Amino acid sequence: MTKDFYEVLAQRRSYYGLDKNIQVSEARIEEIINFAVKHTPSAFNSQSARVAVLFHDKHDELWHITTKALRNVMGDNDFTATQEKMDSFKAAYGTVLFFEDENIVKGLQENFALYADNFPIWSHQASGMHQLVIWSGLEAEGLGASLQHYNPLIDSEVQSAFDIPANWKLVAQMPFGNPIAQPGEKAFEDVANRVKVIR
């Protein structure tokens, strides 16, 4: 890794202009994802995160599925802007799909009834951490990515198309690739208004 931890976090942004001309091997991408899934924390060490990585035709198929689902929802409304967005995601190199294993969450609810209401919340918090770790890992390798949420609209077709177990609940989609357009300037709220130090 050529960037330090803080530099990676500061430079991690939502990149929408992506293409397939990456300089990182698929093996390295898999290594990043495997590391993140293994080492990112989860409540009660539940390890409920599940990830699918789509390359090549499978990546393209995901965005075909999403485009078709959105067309069905939008009907006769103008689809131009949505089509451009779908094309931009498809132009990327691959997509990371984030899931949570509902069987694990339900098992924890049964075994620790006192915290039953919290386990779905903690599950989503763990998924968010996995998303950030993988996103940052891709950034460290010079790849751009963004985080999308077309679930539950595409859930059933994703399960069918990619042989995803029924107990894996789709949480987010992360197209990634070679950045060809920089994101705009990011405004920051004054940290002094967001952090309270108590001594």
C-alpha atoms as a PDB file:
ATOM      1  CA  MET A   1       0.000   0.000   0.000  1.00  0.00           C
ATOM      2  CA  THR A   2       1.586   3.260  -1.128  1.00  0.00           C
ATOM      3  CA  LYS A   3      -0.793   5.609   0.726  1.00  0.00           C
ATOM      4  CA  ASP A   4      -1.088   5.911   4.484  1.00  0.00           C
ATOM      5  CA  PHE A   5      -4.342   5.265   6.319  1.00  0.00           C
ATOM      6  CA  TYR A   6      -5.425   8.897   6.715  1.00  0.00           C
ATOM      7  CA  GLU A   7      -4.559   9.770   3.132  1.00  0.00           C
ATOM      8  CA  VAL A   8      -6.707   6.903   1.885  1.00  0.00           C
ATOM      9  CA  LEU A   9      -9.677   7.997   3.985  1.00  0.00           C
ATOM     10  CA  ALA A  10      -9.326  11.610   2.838  1.00  0.00           C
ATOM     11  CA  GLN A  11      -9.090  10.663  -0.843  1.00  0.00           C
ATOM     12  CA  ARG A  12     -11.882   8.078  -0.834  1.00  0.00           C
ATOM     13  CA  ARG A  13     -14.713   9.676  -2.771  1.00  0.00           C
ATOM     14  CA  SER A  14     -17.687   8.702  -4.928  1.00  0.00           C
ATOM     15  CA  TYR A  15     -16.341   8.286  -8.454  1.00  0.00           C
ATOM     16  CA  TYR A  16     -18.983   8.132 -11.173  1.00  0.00           C
ATOM     17  CA  GLY A  17     -16.682   8.504 -14.174  1.00  0.00           C
ATOM     18  CA  LEU A  18     -15.066   5.061 -14.434  1.00  0.00           C
ATOM     19  CA  ASP A  19     -13.795   2.780 -17.167  1.00  0.00           C
ATOM     20  CA  LYS A  20     -12.359  -0.734 -17.429  1.00  0.00           C
ATOM     21  CA  ASN A  21      -8.706   0.245 -17.962  1.00  0.00           C
ATOM     22  CA  ILE A  22      -7.499  -0.684 -14.482  1.00  0.00           C
ATOM     23  CA  GLN A  23      -3.861  -1.269 -13.577  1.00  0.00           C
ATOM     24  CA  VAL A  24      -4.694  -3.619 -10.694  1.00  0.00           C
ATOM     25  CA  SER A  25      -4.984  -7.371 -11.081  1.00  0.00           C
ATOM     26  CA  GLU A  26      -8.196  -9.186 -10.262  1.00  0.00           C
ATOM     27  CA  ALA A  27      -6.164 -11.302  -7.847  1.00  0.00           C
ATOM     28  CA  ARG A  28      -5.211  -8.154  -5.924  1.00  0.00           C
ATOM     29  CA  ILE A  29      -8.832  -6.990  -5.834  1.00  0.00           C
ATOM     30  CA  GLU A  30      -9.860 -10.376  -4.446  1.00  0.00           C
ATOM     31  CA  GLU A  31      -7.074 -10.136  -1.874  1.00  0.00           C
ATOM     32  CA  ILE A  32      -8.358  -6.748  -0.679  1.00  0.00           C
ATOM     33  CA  ILE A  33     -11.900  -8.049  -0.355  1.00  0.00           C
ATOM     34  CA  ASN A  34     -10.882 -11.265   1.399  1.00  0.00           C
ATOM     35  CA  PHE A  35      -8.785  -9.281   3.876  1.00  0.00           C
ATOM     36  CA  ALA A  36     -11.665  -6.877   4.571  1.00  0.00           C
ATOM     37  CA  VAL A  37     -14.221  -9.631   5.085  1.00  0.00           C
ATOM     38  CA  LYS A  38     -11.879 -11.490   7.436  1.00  0.00           C
ATOM     39  CA  HIS A  39     -10.722  -8.571   9.588  1.00  0.00           C
ATOM     40  CA  THR A  40     -13.606  -6.061   9.688  1.00  0.00           C
ATOM     41  CA  PRO A  41     -15.370  -6.275  13.080  1.00  0.00           C
ATOM     42  CA  SER A  42     -18.962  -7.293  13.729  1.00  0.00           C
ATOM     43  CA  ALA A  43     -21.183  -7.406  16.803  1.00  0.00           C
ATOM     44  CA  PHE A  44     -20.669 -10.575  18.860  1.00  0.00           C
ATOM     45  CA  ASN A  45     -18.081 -11.518  16.201  1.00  0.00           C
ATOM     46  CA  SER A  46     -21.089 -12.684  14.199  1.00  0.00           C
ATOM     47  CA  GLN A  47     -19.228 -12.450  10.862  1.00  0.00           C
ATOM     48  CA  SER A  48     -22.566 -12.004   9.094  1.00  0.00           C
ATOM     49  CA  ALA A  49     -21.142 -10.071   6.132  1.00  0.00           C
ATOM     50  CA  ARG A  50     -21.269 -11.772   2.748  1.00  0.00           C
ATOM     51  CA  VAL A  51     -19.734 -10.360  -0.427  1.00  0.00           C
ATOM     52  CA  ALA A  52     -19.963 -11.254  -4.117  1.00  0.00           C
ATOM     53  CA  VAL A  53     -17.533  -9.774  -6.636  1.00  0.00           C
ATOM     54  CA  LEU A  54     -18.719  -9.473 -10.225  1.00  0.00           C
ATOM     55  CA  PHE A  55     -16.241  -9.212 -13.097  1.00  0.00           C
ATOM     56  CA  HIS A  56     -16.652  -9.052 -16.876  1.00  0.00           C
ATOM     57  CA  ASP A  57     -19.999 -10.297 -18.234  1.00  0.00           C
ATOM     58  CA  LYS A  58     -21.392 -10.812 -14.738  1.00  0.00           C
ATOM     59  CA  HIS A  59     -20.735  -7.160 -13.892  1.00  0.00           C
ATOM     60  CA  ASP A  60     -22.470  -6.091 -17.108  1.00  0.00           C
ATOM     61  CA  GLU A  61     -25.389  -8.405 -16.355  1.00  0.00           C
ATOM     62  CA  LEU A  62     -25.976  -6.780 -12.974  1.00  0.00           C
ATOM     63  CA  TRP A  63     -26.414  -3.360 -14.552  1.00  0.00           C
ATOM     64  CA  HIS A  64     -28.616  -4.824 -17.276  1.00  0.00           C
ATOM     65  CA  ILE A  65     -30.831  -6.289 -14.540  1.00  0.00           C
ATOM     66  CA  THR A  66     -30.900  -2.957 -12.707  1.00  0.00           C
ATOM     67  CA  THR A  67     -31.668  -0.992 -15.872  1.00  0.00           C
ATOM     68  CA  LYS A  68     -34.532  -3.309 -16.761  1.00  0.00           C
ATOM     69  CA  ALA A  69     -35.991  -3.097 -13.242  1.00  0.00           C
ATOM     70  CA  LEU A  70     -35.847   0.694 -13.252  1.00  0.00           C
ATOM     71  CA  ARG A  71     -37.459   0.882 -16.708  1.00  0.00           C
ATOM     72  CA  ASN A  72     -40.351  -1.214 -15.404  1.00  0.00           C
ATOM     73  CA  VAL A  73     -40.801   1.116 -12.434  1.00  0.00           C
ATOM     74  CA  MET A  74     -40.546   4.334 -14.433  1.00  0.00           C
ATOM     75  CA  GLY A  75     -42.894   3.248 -17.199  1.00  0.00           C
ATOM     76  CA  ASP A  76     -43.358   5.951 -19.823  1.00  0.00           C
ATOM     77  CA  ASN A  77     -41.434   8.632 -17.904  1.00  0.00           C
ATOM     78  CA  ASP A  78     -38.242  10.071 -19.390  1.00  0.00           C
ATOM     79  CA  PHE A  79     -35.504   7.488 -18.818  1.00  0.00           C
ATOM     80  CA  THR A  80     -32.591   9.465 -20.295  1.00  0.00           C
ATOM     81  CA  ALA A  81     -30.866  10.520 -17.061  1.00  0.00           C
ATOM     82  CA  THR A  82     -31.346   7.110 -15.473  1.00  0.00           C
ATOM     83  CA  GLN A  83     -29.964   5.370 -18.563  1.00  0.00           C
ATOM     84  CA  GLU A  84     -26.870   7.579 -18.453  1.00  0.00           C
ATOM     85  CA  LYS A  85     -26.328   6.643 -14.821  1.00  0.00           C
ATOM     86  CA  MET A  86     -26.748   2.936 -15.572  1.00  0.00           C
ATOM     87  CA  ASP A  87     -24.327   3.217 -18.493  1.00  0.00           C
ATOM     88  CA  SER A  88     -21.757   4.875 -16.217  1.00  0.00           C
ATOM     89  CA  PHE A  89     -21.951   1.993 -13.740  1.00  0.00           C
ATOM     90  CA  LYS A  90     -21.734  -0.592 -16.506  1.00  0.00           C
ATOM     91  CA  ALA A  91     -18.664   1.191 -17.913  1.00  0.00           C
ATOM     92  CA  ALA A  92     -16.799   0.376 -14.677  1.00  0.00           C
ATOM     93  CA  TYR A  93     -14.590  -2.709 -14.371  1.00  0.00           C
ATOM     94  CA  GLY A  94     -16.551  -4.653 -11.768  1.00  0.00           C
ATOM     95  CA  THR A  95     -19.035  -4.483  -8.918  1.00  0.00           C
ATOM     96  CA  VAL A  96     -18.896  -5.564  -5.289  1.00  0.00           C
ATOM     97  CA  LEU A  97     -22.229  -6.738  -3.887  1.00  0.00           C
ATOM     98  CA  PHE A  98     -22.670  -6.490  -0.121  1.00  0.00           C
ATOM     99  CA  PHE A  99     -25.019  -8.857   1.696  1.00  0.00           C
ATOM    100  CA  GLU A 100     -25.857  -9.796   5.274  1.00  0.00           C
ATOM    101  CA  ASP A 101     -26.625 -13.398   6.207  1.00  0.00           C
ATOM    102  CA  GLU A 102     -30.096 -13.244   7.734  1.00  0.00           C
ATOM    103  CA  ASN A 103     -29.769 -16.736   9.225  1.00  0.00           C
ATOM    104  CA  ILE A 104     -26.933 -15.506  11.427  1.00  0.00           C
ATOM    105  CA  VAL A 105     -28.875 -12.419  12.489  1.00  0.00           C
ATOM    106  CA  LYS A 106     -31.978 -14.475  13.316  1.00  0.00           C
ATOM    107  CA  GLY A 107     -29.866 -17.002  15.213  1.00  0.00           C
ATOM    108  CA  LEU A 108     -28.406 -14.261  17.369  1.00  0.00           C
ATOM    109  CA  GLN A 109     -31.887 -12.868  18.012  1.00  0.00           C
ATOM    110  CA  GLU A 110     -33.010 -16.287  19.234  1.00  0.00           C
ATOM    111  CA  ASN A 111     -29.917 -16.948  21.347  1.00  0.00           C
ATOM    112  CA  PHE A 112     -29.679 -13.479  22.863  1.00  0.00           C
ATOM    113  CA  ALA A 113     -33.322 -12.411  23.141  1.00  0.00           C
ATOM    114  CA  LEU A 114     -32.493  -9.425  25.346  1.00  0.00           C
ATOM    115  CA  TYR A 115     -30.748  -7.783  22.365  1.00  0.00           C
ATOM    116  CA  ALA A 116     -33.043  -9.125  19.644  1.00  0.00           C
ATOM    117  CA  ASP A 117     -34.139  -5.706  18.371  1.00  0.00           C
ATOM    118  CA  ASN A 118     -30.542  -4.557  18.074  1.00  0.00           C
ATOM    119  CA  PHE A 119     -29.087  -7.346  15.947  1.00  0.00           C
ATOM    120  CA  PRO A 120     -30.507  -6.088  12.602  1.00  0.00           C
ATOM    121  CA  ILE A 121     -29.132  -2.634  13.439  1.00  0.00           C
ATOM    122  CA  TRP A 122     -25.722  -4.026  14.373  1.00  0.00           C
ATOM    123  CA  SER A 123     -25.764  -6.131  11.216  1.00  0.00           C
ATOM    124  CA  HIS A 124     -26.165  -3.026   9.059  1.00  0.00           C
ATOM    125  CA  GLN A 125     -23.476  -1.226  11.038  1.00  0.00           C
ATOM    126  CA  ALA A 126     -21.094  -4.105  10.325  1.00  0.00           C
ATOM    127  CA  SER A 127     -22.013  -3.989   6.640  1.00  0.00           C
ATOM    128  CA  GLY A 128     -21.236  -0.266   6.599  1.00  0.00           C
ATOM    129  CA  MET A 129     -17.810  -0.972   8.052  1.00  0.00           C
ATOM    130  CA  HIS A 130     -17.156  -3.619   5.391  1.00  0.00           C
ATOM    131  CA  GLN A 131     -18.189  -1.161   2.708  1.00  0.00           C
ATOM    132  CA  LEU A 132     -15.791   1.489   3.997  1.00  0.00           C
ATOM    133  CA  VAL A 133     -12.876  -0.926   4.375  1.00  0.00           C
ATOM    134  CA  ILE A 134     -13.289  -2.342   0.865  1.00  0.00           C
ATOM    135  CA  TRP A 135     -13.902   1.106  -0.631  1.00  0.00           C
ATOM    136  CA  SER A 136     -10.740   2.391   1.069  1.00  0.00           C
ATOM    137  CA  GLY A 137      -8.768  -0.662  -0.024  1.00  0.00           C
ATOM    138  CA  LEU A 138      -9.757  -0.036  -3.631  1.00  0.00           C
ATOM    139  CA  GLU A 139      -8.834   3.641  -3.257  1.00  0.00           C
ATOM    140  CA  ALA A 140      -5.409   2.662  -1.937  1.00  0.00           C
ATOM    141  CA  GLU A 141      -4.800   0.807  -5.203  1.00  0.00           C
ATOM    142  CA  GLY A 142      -5.814   3.803  -7.319  1.00  0.00           C
ATOM    143  CA  LEU A 143      -9.295   2.529  -8.129  1.00  0.00           C
ATOM    144  CA  GLY A 144     -12.438   4.637  -7.948  1.00  0.00           C
ATOM    145  CA  ALA A 145     -15.813   3.444  -6.679  1.00  0.00           C
ATOM    146  CA  SER A 146     -19.248   4.588  -5.559  1.00  0.00           C
ATOM    147  CA  LEU A 147     -21.904   3.060  -3.351  1.00  0.00           C
ATOM    148  CA  GLN A 148     -25.364   2.340  -4.769  1.00  0.00           C
ATOM    149  CA  HIS A 149     -28.616   0.999  -3.297  1.00  0.00           C
ATOM    150  CA  TYR A 150     -30.971  -0.531  -5.852  1.00  0.00           C
ATOM    151  CA  ASN A 151     -32.127  -3.165  -3.395  1.00  0.00           C
ATOM    152  CA  PRO A 152     -34.761  -4.481  -2.823  1.00  0.00           C
ATOM    153  CA  LEU A 153     -35.829  -3.718  -6.401  1.00  0.00           C
ATOM    154  CA  ILE A 154     -33.239  -6.102  -7.876  1.00  0.00           C
ATOM    155  CA  ASP A 155     -32.932  -8.647  -5.063  1.00  0.00           C
ATOM    156  CA  SER A 156     -34.754 -11.612  -6.575  1.00  0.00           C
ATOM    157  CA  GLU A 157     -33.112 -11.317  -9.991  1.00  0.00           C
ATOM    158  CA  VAL A 158     -29.671 -10.931  -8.422  1.00  0.00           C
ATOM    159  CA  GLN A 159     -30.212 -14.081  -6.390  1.00  0.00           C
ATOM    160  CA  SER A 160     -31.288 -15.997  -9.471  1.00  0.00           C
ATOM    161  CA  ALA A 161     -28.656 -14.647 -11.873  1.00  0.00           C
ATOM    162  CA  PHE A 162     -25.658 -15.130  -9.586  1.00  0.00           C
ATOM    163  CA  ASP A 163     -26.734 -18.147  -7.524  1.00  0.00           C
ATOM    164  CA  ILE A 164     -26.950 -16.154  -4.292  1.00  0.00           C
ATOM    165  CA  PRO A 165     -28.331 -18.046  -1.269  1.00  0.00           C
ATOM    166  CA  ALA A 166     -31.831 -16.974  -0.232  1.00  0.00           C
ATOM    167  CA  ASN A 167     -30.634 -16.066   3.273  1.00  0.00           C
ATOM    168  CA  TRP A 168     -28.171 -13.473   1.913  1.00  0.00           C
ATOM    169  CA  LYS A 169     -29.915 -10.091   2.056  1.00  0.00           C
ATOM    170  CA  LEU A 170     -28.615  -7.533  -0.437  1.00  0.00           C
ATOM    171  CA  VAL A 171     -27.509  -4.276   1.215  1.00  0.00           C
ATOM    172  CA  ALA A 172     -25.510  -2.295  -1.367  1.00  0.00           C
ATOM    173  CA  GLN A 173     -23.731  -2.349  -4.717  1.00  0.00           C
ATOM    174  CA  MET A 174     -20.270  -0.848  -5.346  1.00  0.00           C
ATOM    175  CA  PRO A 175     -19.198  -0.400  -8.978  1.00  0.00           C
ATOM    176  CA  PHE A 176     -15.442   0.183  -9.262  1.00  0.00           C
ATOM    177  CA  GLY A 177     -12.915   0.855 -11.968  1.00  0.00           C
ATOM    178  CA  ASN A 178     -10.346   3.255 -13.354  1.00  0.00           C
ATOM    179  CA  PRO A 179     -11.255   6.879 -12.519  1.00  0.00           C
ATOM    180  CA  ILE A 180     -11.619   9.014 -15.646  1.00  0.00           C
ATOM    181  CA  ALA A 181     -13.351  11.992 -14.019  1.00  0.00           C
ATOM    182  CA  GLN A 182     -12.621  13.587 -10.677  1.00  0.00           C
ATOM    183  CA  PRO A 183     -15.412  14.216  -8.161  1.00  0.00           C
ATOM    184  CA  GLY A 184     -16.340  17.793  -7.339  1.00  0.00           C
ATOM    185  CA  GLU A 185     -15.142  19.703  -4.324  1.00  0.00           C
ATOM    186  CA  LYS A 186     -16.468  18.390  -1.036  1.00  0.00           C
ATOM    187  CA  ALA A 187     -17.815  20.800   1.581  1.00  0.00           C
ATOM    188  CA  PHE A 188     -17.089  20.070   5.215  1.00  0.00           C
ATOM    189  CA  GLU A 189     -19.060  21.145   8.254  1.00  0.00           C
ATOM    190  CA  ASP A 190     -16.795  22.637  10.911  1.00  0.00           C
ATOM    191  CA  VAL A 191     -15.476  19.712  12.948  1.00  0.00           C
ATOM    192  CA  ALA A 192     -15.770  21.856  16.083  1.00  0.00           C
ATOM    193  CA  ASN A 193     -19.555  21.661  15.650  1.00  0.00           C
ATOM    194  CA  ARG A 194     -19.469  17.882  15.288  1.00  0.00           C
ATOM    195  CA  VAL A 195     -16.993  16.757  17.940  1.00  0.00           C
ATOM    196  CA  LYS A 196     -17.329  17.342  21.654  1.00  0.00           C
ATOM    197  CA  VAL A 197     -14.270  16.660  23.785  1.00  0.00           C
ATOM    198  CA  ILE A 198     -15.065  16.024  27.440  1.00  0.00           C
ATOM    199  CA  ARG A 199     -12.292  15.959  30.029  1.00  0.00           C
END
